[in-house]
């Protein structure tokens, strides 16, 4: 199988997502959710993915469509098309699946996934944060991160001298 096909299979439509969630639930796997724009994979964004991945057995990344991003961040945003952003995220080892969302209110997604944790950036809008608070109903956690902050890494974990 071509490696691109493997990545394509990680980007899921609604029906595929529902099937995969049923499988994960059957296996007793805890699902964590990273939610956001993911326009540029900067260190803070990678940290967000790491933190979300650490909170579950599998990581679902929800990527907002270009229309949603433009509505929230203004014209000229995002830089990269949502299909390209989803594909880039699918290439990451920590990411189990990617789903593109096109609704202002992610409540339906939250209720469908029932994640053990939602990790998002601090720029989430009110309707999103209210939806994320639903995670507390089943004992989950919500983490909002400043993805623009610099990330400090230990010298021994860096490949550069």
Protein backbone atom coordinates (compact mmCIF):
# COMPACT_ATOMS: atom_id res chain seq x y z
CA UNK A 1 0.00 0.00 0.00
CA UNK A 2 1.24 3.46 -0.89
CA UNK A 3 2.08 5.55 2.22
CA UNK A 4 -0.16 8.35 0.94
CA UNK A 5 -3.09 5.92 1.01
CA UNK A 6 -2.35 5.22 4.67
CA UNK A 7 -2.54 8.93 5.45
CA UNK A 8 -5.70 9.36 3.38
CA UNK A 9 -7.36 6.64 5.47
CA UNK A 10 -6.60 8.58 8.68
CA UNK A 11 -8.68 11.57 7.48
CA UNK A 12 -12.25 10.53 8.25
CA UNK A 13 -15.69 11.64 7.14
CA UNK A 14 -18.59 11.41 9.58
CA UNK A 15 -19.60 7.81 8.79
CA UNK A 16 -15.99 6.60 8.95
CA UNK A 17 -15.50 8.44 12.24
CA UNK A 18 -18.59 6.80 13.74
CA UNK A 19 -17.31 3.34 12.72
CA UNK A 20 -13.87 3.98 14.16
CA UNK A 21 -15.32 5.35 17.40
CA UNK A 22 -17.45 2.21 17.75
CA UNK A 23 -14.32 0.10 17.27
CA UNK A 24 -12.33 2.12 19.81
CA UNK A 25 -15.19 1.90 22.31
CA UNK A 26 -15.49 -1.87 21.75
CA UNK A 27 -11.75 -2.18 22.47
CA UNK A 28 -12.14 -0.03 25.62
CA UNK A 29 -9.77 2.61 24.31
CA UNK A 30 -9.91 6.11 25.75
CA UNK A 31 -10.19 8.80 23.09
CA UNK A 32 -8.59 12.20 23.54
CA UNK A 33 -9.47 15.08 21.25
CA UNK A 34 -7.31 17.93 20.00
CA UNK A 35 -9.46 20.67 18.47
CA UNK A 36 -8.42 23.69 16.47
CA UNK A 37 -7.10 25.31 13.32
CA UNK A 38 -3.68 23.64 13.09
CA UNK A 39 -2.63 26.03 10.34
CA UNK A 40 1.07 25.97 11.15
CA UNK A 41 2.76 23.15 13.05
CA UNK A 42 4.78 25.36 15.38
CA UNK A 43 6.27 24.10 18.67
CA UNK A 44 3.20 25.12 20.71
CA UNK A 45 0.93 23.21 18.34
CA UNK A 46 3.12 20.12 18.55
CA UNK A 47 3.03 20.44 22.36
CA UNK A 48 -0.77 20.58 22.17
CA UNK A 49 -0.81 17.33 20.18
CA UNK A 50 1.59 15.70 22.64
CA UNK A 51 -0.49 16.76 25.64
CA UNK A 52 -3.69 15.51 24.00
CA UNK A 53 -2.04 12.23 23.04
CA UNK A 54 -0.86 11.70 26.63
CA UNK A 55 -4.44 11.80 27.87
CA UNK A 56 -5.86 8.87 25.93
CA UNK A 57 -5.11 5.64 24.15
CA UNK A 58 -5.96 7.16 20.77
CA UNK A 59 -5.92 10.74 19.53
CA UNK A 60 -8.56 12.24 17.30
CA UNK A 61 -7.72 15.65 15.87
CA UNK A 62 -10.62 17.88 14.83
CA UNK A 63 -9.59 20.49 12.25
CA UNK A 64 -11.77 23.53 11.64
CA UNK A 65 -12.66 24.32 8.02
CA UNK A 66 -11.31 27.37 6.25
CA UNK A 67 -14.72 29.06 6.58
CA UNK A 68 -14.81 28.63 10.37
CA UNK A 69 -11.24 29.85 10.74
CA UNK A 70 -11.89 32.93 8.58
CA UNK A 71 -15.01 33.70 10.65
CA UNK A 72 -13.01 33.49 13.90
CA UNK A 73 -9.64 34.93 12.85
CA UNK A 74 -10.49 37.21 9.94
CA UNK A 75 -9.91 37.34 6.22
CA UNK A 76 -6.63 35.86 5.04
CA UNK A 77 -6.84 33.04 7.55
CA UNK A 78 -5.98 30.25 7.47
CA UNK A 79 -2.82 30.14 5.38
CA UNK A 80 -3.30 26.48 4.44
CA UNK A 81 -6.46 24.80 3.14
CA UNK A 82 -8.19 22.52 5.66
CA UNK A 83 -7.54 19.43 3.49
CA UNK A 84 -3.81 20.18 3.55
CA UNK A 85 -3.91 20.82 7.31
CA UNK A 86 -5.73 17.52 7.88
CA UNK A 87 -3.28 15.62 5.69
CA UNK A 88 -0.28 17.13 7.51
CA UNK A 89 -1.75 16.11 10.87
CA UNK A 90 -2.48 12.60 9.60
CA UNK A 91 1.23 12.22 8.92
CA UNK A 92 2.05 12.59 12.61
CA UNK A 93 2.71 9.37 14.48
CA UNK A 94 0.79 10.46 17.60
CA UNK A 95 -2.39 11.17 15.61
CA UNK A 96 -4.75 8.21 15.24
CA UNK A 97 -7.35 9.97 13.07
CA UNK A 98 -8.32 13.41 11.76
CA UNK A 99 -11.81 14.77 11.21
CA UNK A 100 -12.63 18.11 9.56
CA UNK A 101 -15.42 20.04 11.31
CA UNK A 102 -17.61 22.71 9.77
CA UNK A 103 -19.96 23.70 12.57
CA UNK A 104 -19.62 26.67 14.90
CA UNK A 105 -20.81 24.56 17.83
CA UNK A 106 -18.79 21.37 18.40
CA UNK A 107 -21.30 19.98 20.94
CA UNK A 108 -22.47 17.24 18.58
CA UNK A 109 -18.88 16.12 18.01
CA UNK A 110 -18.15 16.17 21.74
CA UNK A 111 -21.27 14.08 22.45
CA UNK A 112 -20.35 11.63 19.69
CA UNK A 113 -16.71 11.19 20.71
CA UNK A 114 -17.13 11.47 24.50
CA UNK A 115 -13.40 12.18 24.86
CA UNK A 116 -11.51 11.68 28.10
CA UNK A 117 -9.88 15.03 27.37
CA UNK A 118 -10.19 17.94 24.99
CA UNK A 119 -7.09 19.99 24.32
CA UNK A 120 -7.46 23.26 22.44
CA UNK A 121 -5.70 26.59 22.17
CA UNK A 122 -6.56 29.50 24.42
CA UNK A 123 -8.15 31.27 21.43
CA UNK A 124 -11.18 28.95 21.37
CA UNK A 125 -14.39 30.97 21.03
CA UNK A 126 -17.16 30.93 23.64
CA UNK A 127 -19.43 28.47 21.82
CA UNK A 128 -16.50 26.03 21.60
CA UNK A 129 -15.50 26.35 25.26
CA UNK A 130 -19.11 25.84 26.36
CA UNK A 131 -19.24 22.65 24.26
CA UNK A 132 -15.92 21.46 25.67
CA UNK A 133 -17.26 21.89 29.22
CA UNK A 134 -19.64 18.98 28.47
CA UNK A 135 -16.60 16.70 28.83
CA UNK A 136 -16.76 17.29 32.59
CA UNK A 137 -20.14 15.46 32.63
CA UNK A 138 -18.33 12.11 32.22
CA UNK A 139 -15.24 13.00 34.25
CA UNK A 140 -13.09 14.25 31.39
CA UNK A 141 -10.81 17.26 31.38
CA UNK A 142 -10.45 20.36 29.24
CA UNK A 143 -7.04 21.90 28.69
CA UNK A 144 -6.59 25.24 26.95
CA UNK A 145 -3.02 26.03 25.90
CA UNK A 146 -1.19 29.09 24.67
CA UNK A 147 0.20 27.58 21.47
CA UNK A 148 2.14 30.80 20.75
CA UNK A 149 4.37 30.45 23.81
CA UNK A 150 7.90 29.23 23.29
CA UNK A 151 8.55 25.61 24.24
CA UNK A 152 11.76 24.76 26.08
CA UNK A 153 13.40 21.47 25.22
CA UNK A 154 16.30 19.77 26.95
CA UNK A 155 19.54 19.94 25.00
CA UNK A 156 19.89 16.14 25.03
CA UNK A 157 16.59 15.77 23.19
CA UNK A 158 17.62 18.08 20.37
CA UNK A 159 19.54 16.93 17.33
CA UNK A 160 21.50 20.17 17.03
CA UNK A 161 24.66 21.23 18.90
